[in-house]
Amino acid sequence: MEAALLLASTSPVGDVADAVRERDIAVRGVGHARGVAEDPVHDPAANLRLLAMGARMVLRYGSGGAGAVR
């Protein structure tokens, strides 16, 4: 726990740190999209918007920033 707090406070930089952050964001985006897809649909349009935003985030961060989708 102390090591994690120390690493968080130092804010690692560089290509490797950026790749780890982008991968984490992409993984969380996929998890969120799965949760949205598994929820009972009360508003199909809202669900589609949430899934589209999740797909956009996965594409942006999963590609390592190359060809970022806006």
PDB file of N, CA and C in Angstrom:
ATOM      1  N   MET A   1       0.827  -1.182   0.000  1.00  0.00           N
ATOM      2  CA  MET A   1       0.000   0.000   0.000  1.00  0.00           C
ATOM      3  C   MET A   1       0.871   1.246   0.000  1.00  0.00           C
ATOM      4  N   GLU A   2       1.890   1.277   0.849  1.00  0.00           N
ATOM      5  CA  GLU A   2       2.775   2.441   0.906  1.00  0.00           C
ATOM      6  C   GLU A   2       3.493   2.651  -0.419  1.00  0.00           C
ATOM      7  N   ALA A   3       3.900   1.551  -1.047  1.00  0.00           N
ATOM      8  CA  ALA A   3       4.593   1.666  -2.334  1.00  0.00           C
ATOM      9  C   ALA A   3       3.666   2.270  -3.386  1.00  0.00           C
ATOM     10  N   ALA A   4       2.400   1.856  -3.377  1.00  0.00           N
ATOM     11  CA  ALA A   4       1.445   2.392  -4.349  1.00  0.00           C
ATOM     12  C   ALA A   4       1.230   3.889  -4.128  1.00  0.00           C
ATOM     13  N   LEU A   5       1.135   4.297  -2.865  1.00  0.00           N
ATOM     14  CA  LEU A   5       0.957   5.721  -2.570  1.00  0.00           C
ATOM     15  C   LEU A   5       2.187   6.519  -2.979  1.00  0.00           C
ATOM     16  N   LEU A   6       3.375   5.959  -2.739  1.00  0.00           N
ATOM     17  CA  LEU A   6       4.611   6.633  -3.125  1.00  0.00           C
ATOM     18  C   LEU A   6       4.683   6.787  -4.640  1.00  0.00           C
ATOM     19  N   LEU A   7       4.380   5.719  -5.374  1.00  0.00           N
ATOM     20  CA  LEU A   7       4.411   5.799  -6.833  1.00  0.00           C
ATOM     21  C   LEU A   7       3.371   6.790  -7.359  1.00  0.00           C
ATOM     22  N   ALA A   8       2.202   6.804  -6.743  1.00  0.00           N
ATOM     23  CA  ALA A   8       1.165   7.736  -7.186  1.00  0.00           C
ATOM     24  C   ALA A   8       1.586   9.177  -6.961  1.00  0.00           C
ATOM     25  N   SER A   9       2.301   9.434  -5.891  1.00  0.00           N
ATOM     26  CA  SER A   9       2.697  10.808  -5.582  1.00  0.00           C
ATOM     27  C   SER A   9       3.855  11.285  -6.442  1.00  0.00           C
ATOM     28  N   THR A  10       4.608  10.357  -7.034  1.00  0.00           N
ATOM     29  CA  THR A  10       5.742  10.759  -7.858  1.00  0.00           C
ATOM     30  C   THR A  10       5.356  11.020  -9.303  1.00  0.00           C
ATOM     31  N   SER A  11       4.160  10.616  -9.695  1.00  0.00           N
ATOM     32  CA  SER A  11       3.666  10.805 -11.060  1.00  0.00           C
ATOM     33  C   SER A  11       4.699  10.394 -12.103  1.00  0.00           C
ATOM     34  N   PRO A  12       4.909   9.076 -12.278  1.00  0.00           N
ATOM     35  CA  PRO A  12       5.882   8.618 -13.274  1.00  0.00           C
ATOM     36  C   PRO A  12       5.575   9.204 -14.650  1.00  0.00           C
ATOM     37  N   VAL A  13       6.612   9.477 -15.404  1.00  0.00           N
ATOM     38  CA  VAL A  13       6.459  10.055 -16.734  1.00  0.00           C
ATOM     39  C   VAL A  13       7.188   9.199 -17.757  1.00  0.00           C
ATOM     40  N   GLY A  14       6.989   9.513 -18.987  1.00  0.00           N
ATOM     41  CA  GLY A  14       7.672   8.798 -20.063  1.00  0.00           C
ATOM     42  C   GLY A  14       6.727   7.929 -20.848  1.00  0.00           C
ATOM     43  N   ASP A  15       7.261   7.318 -21.888  1.00  0.00           N
ATOM     44  CA  ASP A  15       6.456   6.509 -22.800  1.00  0.00           C
ATOM     45  C   ASP A  15       5.818   5.312 -22.108  1.00  0.00           C
ATOM     46  N   VAL A  16       6.570   4.646 -21.230  1.00  0.00           N
ATOM     47  CA  VAL A  16       6.038   3.452 -20.558  1.00  0.00           C
ATOM     48  C   VAL A  16       4.895   3.837 -19.621  1.00  0.00           C
ATOM     49  N   ALA A  17       5.087   4.900 -18.848  1.00  0.00           N
ATOM     50  CA  ALA A  17       4.029   5.348 -17.940  1.00  0.00           C
ATOM     51  C   ALA A  17       2.782   5.757 -18.721  1.00  0.00           C
ATOM     52  N   ASP A  18       2.968   6.449 -19.839  1.00  0.00           N
ATOM     53  CA  ASP A  18       1.825   6.847 -20.673  1.00  0.00           C
ATOM     54  C   ASP A  18       1.099   5.626 -21.220  1.00  0.00           C
ATOM     55  N   ALA A  19       1.844   4.628 -21.660  1.00  0.00           N
ATOM     56  CA  ALA A  19       1.230   3.411 -22.208  1.00  0.00           C
ATOM     57  C   ALA A  19       0.421   2.686 -21.144  1.00  0.00           C
ATOM     58  N   VAL A  20       0.950   2.633 -19.922  1.00  0.00           N
ATOM     59  CA  VAL A  20       0.224   1.963 -18.833  1.00  0.00           C
ATOM     60  C   VAL A  20      -1.071   2.714 -18.528  1.00  0.00           C
ATOM     61  N   ARG A  21      -0.994   4.039 -18.483  1.00  0.00           N
ATOM     62  CA  ARG A  21      -2.196   4.832 -18.215  1.00  0.00           C
ATOM     63  C   ARG A  21      -3.233   4.641 -19.323  1.00  0.00           C
ATOM     64  N   GLU A  22      -2.784   4.690 -20.595  1.00  0.00           N
ATOM     65  CA  GLU A  22      -3.719   4.512 -21.717  1.00  0.00           C
ATOM     66  C   GLU A  22      -4.349   3.129 -21.688  1.00  0.00           C
ATOM     67  N   ARG A  23      -3.567   2.110 -21.347  1.00  0.00           N
ATOM     68  CA  ARG A  23      -4.109   0.748 -21.281  1.00  0.00           C
ATOM     69  C   ARG A  23      -5.150   0.654 -20.172  1.00  0.00           C
ATOM     70  N   ASP A  24      -4.868   1.245 -19.025  1.00  0.00           N
ATOM     71  CA  ASP A  24      -5.803   1.209 -17.907  1.00  0.00           C
ATOM     72  C   ASP A  24      -7.115   1.899 -18.282  1.00  0.00           C
ATOM     73  N   ILE A  25      -7.029   3.034 -18.950  1.00  0.00           N
ATOM     74  CA  ILE A  25      -8.231   3.762 -19.362  1.00  0.00           C
ATOM     75  C   ILE A  25      -9.024   2.917 -20.363  1.00  0.00           C
ATOM     76  N   ALA A  26      -8.332   2.278 -21.296  1.00  0.00           N
ATOM     77  CA  ALA A  26      -9.015   1.440 -22.291  1.00  0.00           C
ATOM     78  C   ALA A  26      -9.704   0.250 -21.620  1.00  0.00           C
ATOM     79  N   VAL A  27      -9.025  -0.394 -20.667  1.00  0.00           N
ATOM     80  CA  VAL A  27      -9.602  -1.548 -19.969  1.00  0.00           C
ATOM     81  C   VAL A  27     -10.842  -1.125 -19.184  1.00  0.00           C
ATOM     82  N   ARG A  28     -10.756   0.019 -18.494  1.00  0.00           N
ATOM     83  CA  ARG A  28     -11.927   0.503 -17.754  1.00  0.00           C
ATOM     84  C   ARG A  28     -13.060   0.882 -18.707  1.00  0.00           C
ATOM     85  N   GLY A  29     -12.718   1.406 -19.879  1.00  0.00           N
ATOM     86  CA  GLY A  29     -13.741   1.744 -20.874  1.00  0.00           C
ATOM     87  C   GLY A  29     -14.486   0.515 -21.360  1.00  0.00           C
ATOM     88  N   VAL A  30     -13.755  -0.562 -21.591  1.00  0.00           N
ATOM     89  CA  VAL A  30     -14.379  -1.816 -22.017  1.00  0.00           C
ATOM     90  C   VAL A  30     -15.281  -2.345 -20.906  1.00  0.00           C
ATOM     91  N   GLY A  31     -14.811  -2.278 -19.670  1.00  0.00           N
ATOM     92  CA  GLY A  31     -15.629  -2.732 -18.541  1.00  0.00           C
ATOM     93  C   GLY A  31     -16.919  -1.941 -18.419  1.00  0.00           C
ATOM     94  N   HIS A  32     -16.805  -0.637 -18.603  1.00  0.00           N
ATOM     95  CA  HIS A  32     -17.999   0.218 -18.530  1.00  0.00           C
ATOM     96  C   HIS A  32     -18.970  -0.116 -19.662  1.00  0.00           C
ATOM     97  N   ALA A  33     -18.452  -0.297 -20.868  1.00  0.00           N
ATOM     98  CA  ALA A  33     -19.311  -0.628 -22.013  1.00  0.00           C
ATOM     99  C   ALA A  33     -20.025  -1.959 -21.791  1.00  0.00           C
ATOM    100  N   ARG A  34     -19.322  -2.924 -21.224  1.00  0.00           N
ATOM    101  CA  ARG A  34     -19.962  -4.212 -20.931  1.00  0.00           C
ATOM    102  C   ARG A  34     -21.082  -4.048 -19.915  1.00  0.00           C
ATOM    103  N   GLY A  35     -20.827  -3.227 -18.900  1.00  0.00           N
ATOM    104  CA  GLY A  35     -21.862  -2.963 -17.901  1.00  0.00           C
ATOM    105  C   GLY A  35     -23.084  -2.305 -18.510  1.00  0.00           C
ATOM    106  N   VAL A  36     -22.864  -1.340 -19.397  1.00  0.00           N
ATOM    107  CA  VAL A  36     -23.982  -0.672 -20.077  1.00  0.00           C
ATOM    108  C   VAL A  36     -24.746  -1.675 -20.933  1.00  0.00           C
ATOM    109  N   ALA A  37     -24.015  -2.512 -21.659  1.00  0.00           N
ATOM    110  CA  ALA A  37     -24.665  -3.486 -22.545  1.00  0.00           C
ATOM    111  C   ALA A  37     -25.469  -4.527 -21.758  1.00  0.00           C
ATOM    112  N   GLU A  38     -25.039  -4.842 -20.537  1.00  0.00           N
ATOM    113  CA  GLU A  38     -25.724  -5.858 -19.739  1.00  0.00           C
ATOM    114  C   GLU A  38     -26.904  -5.299 -18.960  1.00  0.00           C
ATOM    115  N   ASP A  39     -26.988  -3.986 -18.795  1.00  0.00           N
ATOM    116  CA  ASP A  39     -28.112  -3.379 -18.078  1.00  0.00           C
ATOM    117  C   ASP A  39     -29.396  -3.529 -18.879  1.00  0.00           C
ATOM    118  N   PRO A  40     -30.509  -3.706 -18.158  1.00  0.00           N
ATOM    119  CA  PRO A  40     -31.785  -3.707 -18.886  1.00  0.00           C
ATOM    120  C   PRO A  40     -31.980  -2.336 -19.540  1.00  0.00           C
ATOM    121  N   VAL A  41     -32.442  -2.334 -20.764  1.00  0.00           N
ATOM    122  CA  VAL A  41     -32.556  -1.089 -21.522  1.00  0.00           C
ATOM    123  C   VAL A  41     -33.860  -0.382 -21.170  1.00  0.00           C
ATOM    124  N   HIS A  42     -33.719   0.809 -20.580  1.00  0.00           N
ATOM    125  CA  HIS A  42     -34.886   1.642 -20.297  1.00  0.00           C
ATOM    126  C   HIS A  42     -35.007   2.725 -21.365  1.00  0.00           C
ATOM    127  N   ASP A  43     -33.862   3.150 -21.870  1.00  0.00           N
ATOM    128  CA  ASP A  43     -33.835   4.190 -22.897  1.00  0.00           C
ATOM    129  C   ASP A  43     -32.800   3.759 -23.936  1.00  0.00           C
ATOM    130  N   PRO A  44     -33.240   3.105 -25.014  1.00  0.00           N
ATOM    131  CA  PRO A  44     -32.296   2.593 -26.012  1.00  0.00           C
ATOM    132  C   PRO A  44     -31.378   3.661 -26.585  1.00  0.00           C
ATOM    133  N   ALA A  45     -31.883   4.882 -26.795  1.00  0.00           N
ATOM    134  CA  ALA A  45     -31.048   5.951 -27.355  1.00  0.00           C
ATOM    135  C   ALA A  45     -29.935   6.320 -26.381  1.00  0.00           C
ATOM    136  N   ALA A  46     -30.262   6.391 -25.097  1.00  0.00           N
ATOM    137  CA  ALA A  46     -29.248   6.716 -24.088  1.00  0.00           C
ATOM    138  C   ALA A  46     -28.200   5.606 -24.023  1.00  0.00           C
ATOM    139  N   ASN A  47     -28.642   4.347 -24.097  1.00  0.00           N
ATOM    140  CA  ASN A  47     -27.695   3.229 -24.080  1.00  0.00           C
ATOM    141  C   ASN A  47     -26.744   3.297 -25.270  1.00  0.00           C
ATOM    142  N   LEU A  48     -27.283   3.592 -26.444  1.00  0.00           N
ATOM    143  CA  LEU A  48     -26.433   3.690 -27.636  1.00  0.00           C
ATOM    144  C   LEU A  48     -25.429   4.833 -27.507  1.00  0.00           C
ATOM    145  N   ARG A  49     -25.860   5.963 -26.938  1.00  0.00           N
ATOM    146  CA  ARG A  49     -24.929   7.081 -26.741  1.00  0.00           C
ATOM    147  C   ARG A  49     -23.810   6.688 -25.782  1.00  0.00           C
ATOM    148  N   LEU A  50     -24.166   6.006 -24.690  1.00  0.00           N
ATOM    149  CA  LEU A  50     -23.144   5.565 -23.734  1.00  0.00           C
ATOM    150  C   LEU A  50     -22.180   4.570 -24.371  1.00  0.00           C
ATOM    151  N   LEU A  51     -22.714   3.638 -25.151  1.00  0.00           N
ATOM    152  CA  LEU A  51     -21.850   2.665 -25.821  1.00  0.00           C
ATOM    153  C   LEU A  51     -20.943   3.348 -26.845  1.00  0.00           C
ATOM    154  N   ALA A  52     -21.465   4.350 -27.548  1.00  0.00           N
ATOM    155  CA  ALA A  52     -20.646   5.080 -28.525  1.00  0.00           C
ATOM    156  C   ALA A  52     -19.524   5.836 -27.831  1.00  0.00           C
ATOM    157  N   MET A  53     -19.827   6.457 -26.691  1.00  0.00           N
ATOM    158  CA  MET A  53     -18.772   7.167 -25.948  1.00  0.00           C
ATOM    159  C   MET A  53     -17.717   6.184 -25.460  1.00  0.00           C
ATOM    160  N   GLY A  54     -18.162   5.019 -24.981  1.00  0.00           N
ATOM    161  CA  GLY A  54     -17.217   4.002 -24.532  1.00  0.00           C
ATOM    162  C   GLY A  54     -16.333   3.512 -25.666  1.00  0.00           C
ATOM    163  N   ALA A  55     -16.942   3.300 -26.836  1.00  0.00           N
ATOM    164  CA  ALA A  55     -16.159   2.857 -27.999  1.00  0.00           C
ATOM    165  C   ALA A  55     -15.136   3.915 -28.392  1.00  0.00           C
ATOM    166  N   ARG A  56     -15.530   5.172 -28.342  1.00  0.00           N
ATOM    167  CA  ARG A  56     -14.615   6.264 -28.680  1.00  0.00           C
ATOM    168  C   ARG A  56     -13.418   6.279 -27.714  1.00  0.00           C
ATOM    169  N   MET A  57     -13.689   6.087 -26.426  1.00  0.00           N
ATOM    170  CA  MET A  57     -12.601   6.094 -25.439  1.00  0.00           C
ATOM    171  C   MET A  57     -11.663   4.905 -25.656  1.00  0.00           C
ATOM    172  N   VAL A  58     -12.234   3.740 -25.922  1.00  0.00           N
ATOM    173  CA  VAL A  58     -11.394   2.554 -26.152  1.00  0.00           C
ATOM    174  C   VAL A  58     -10.529   2.758 -27.383  1.00  0.00           C
ATOM    175  N   LEU A  59     -11.109   3.311 -28.450  1.00  0.00           N
ATOM    176  CA  LEU A  59     -10.320   3.571 -29.654  1.00  0.00           C
ATOM    177  C   LEU A  59      -9.219   4.588 -29.391  1.00  0.00           C
ATOM    178  N   ARG A  60      -9.537   5.645 -28.659  1.00  0.00           N
ATOM    179  CA  ARG A  60      -8.556   6.695 -28.404  1.00  0.00           C
ATOM    180  C   ARG A  60      -7.401   6.180 -27.544  1.00  0.00           C
ATOM    181  N   TYR A  61      -7.723   5.548 -26.442  1.00  0.00           N
ATOM    182  CA  TYR A  61      -6.667   5.147 -25.519  1.00  0.00           C
ATOM    183  C   TYR A  61      -6.092   3.777 -25.830  1.00  0.00           C
ATOM    184  N   GLY A  62      -6.844   2.925 -26.488  1.00  0.00           N
ATOM    185  CA  GLY A  62      -6.349   1.604 -26.844  1.00  0.00           C
ATOM    186  C   GLY A  62      -5.346   1.640 -27.986  1.00  0.00           C
ATOM    187  N   SER A  63      -5.388   2.719 -28.767  1.00  0.00           N
ATOM    188  CA  SER A  63      -4.459   2.835 -29.888  1.00  0.00           C
ATOM    189  C   SER A  63      -3.154   3.482 -29.483  1.00  0.00           C
ATOM    190  N   GLY A  64      -3.016   3.823 -28.222  1.00  0.00           N
ATOM    191  CA  GLY A  64      -1.787   4.477 -27.765  1.00  0.00           C
ATOM    192  C   GLY A  64      -1.676   5.905 -28.236  1.00  0.00           C
ATOM    193  N   GLY A  65      -2.820   6.508 -28.560  1.00  0.00           N
ATOM    194  CA  GLY A  65      -2.812   7.907 -28.996  1.00  0.00           C
ATOM    195  C   GLY A  65      -2.657   8.067 -30.492  1.00  0.00           C
ATOM    196  N   ALA A  66      -2.297   7.006 -31.184  1.00  0.00           N
ATOM    197  CA  ALA A  66      -2.133   7.106 -32.641  1.00  0.00           C
ATOM    198  C   ALA A  66      -3.490   7.172 -33.291  1.00  0.00           C
ATOM    199  N   GLY A  67      -3.709   8.167 -34.093  1.00  0.00           N
ATOM    200  CA  GLY A  67      -4.994   8.296 -34.772  1.00  0.00           C
ATOM    201  C   GLY A  67      -6.145   8.514 -33.817  1.00  0.00           C
ATOM    202  N   ALA A  68      -5.932   9.335 -32.795  1.00  0.00           N
ATOM    203  CA  ALA A  68      -6.950   9.553 -31.769  1.00  0.00           C
ATOM    204  C   ALA A  68      -8.262  10.009 -32.385  1.00  0.00           C
ATOM    205  N   VAL A  69      -9.335   9.410 -31.939  1.00  0.00           N
ATOM    206  CA  VAL A  69     -10.677   9.752 -32.401  1.00  0.00           C
ATOM    207  C   VAL A  69     -11.216  10.850 -31.511  1.00  0.00           C
ATOM    208  N   ARG A  70     -11.773  11.877 -32.114  1.00  0.00           N
ATOM    209  CA  ARG A  70     -12.315  12.983 -31.309  1.00  0.00           C
ATOM    210  C   ARG A  70     -13.819  13.020 -31.411  1.00  0.00           C
TER     211      ARG A  70
END
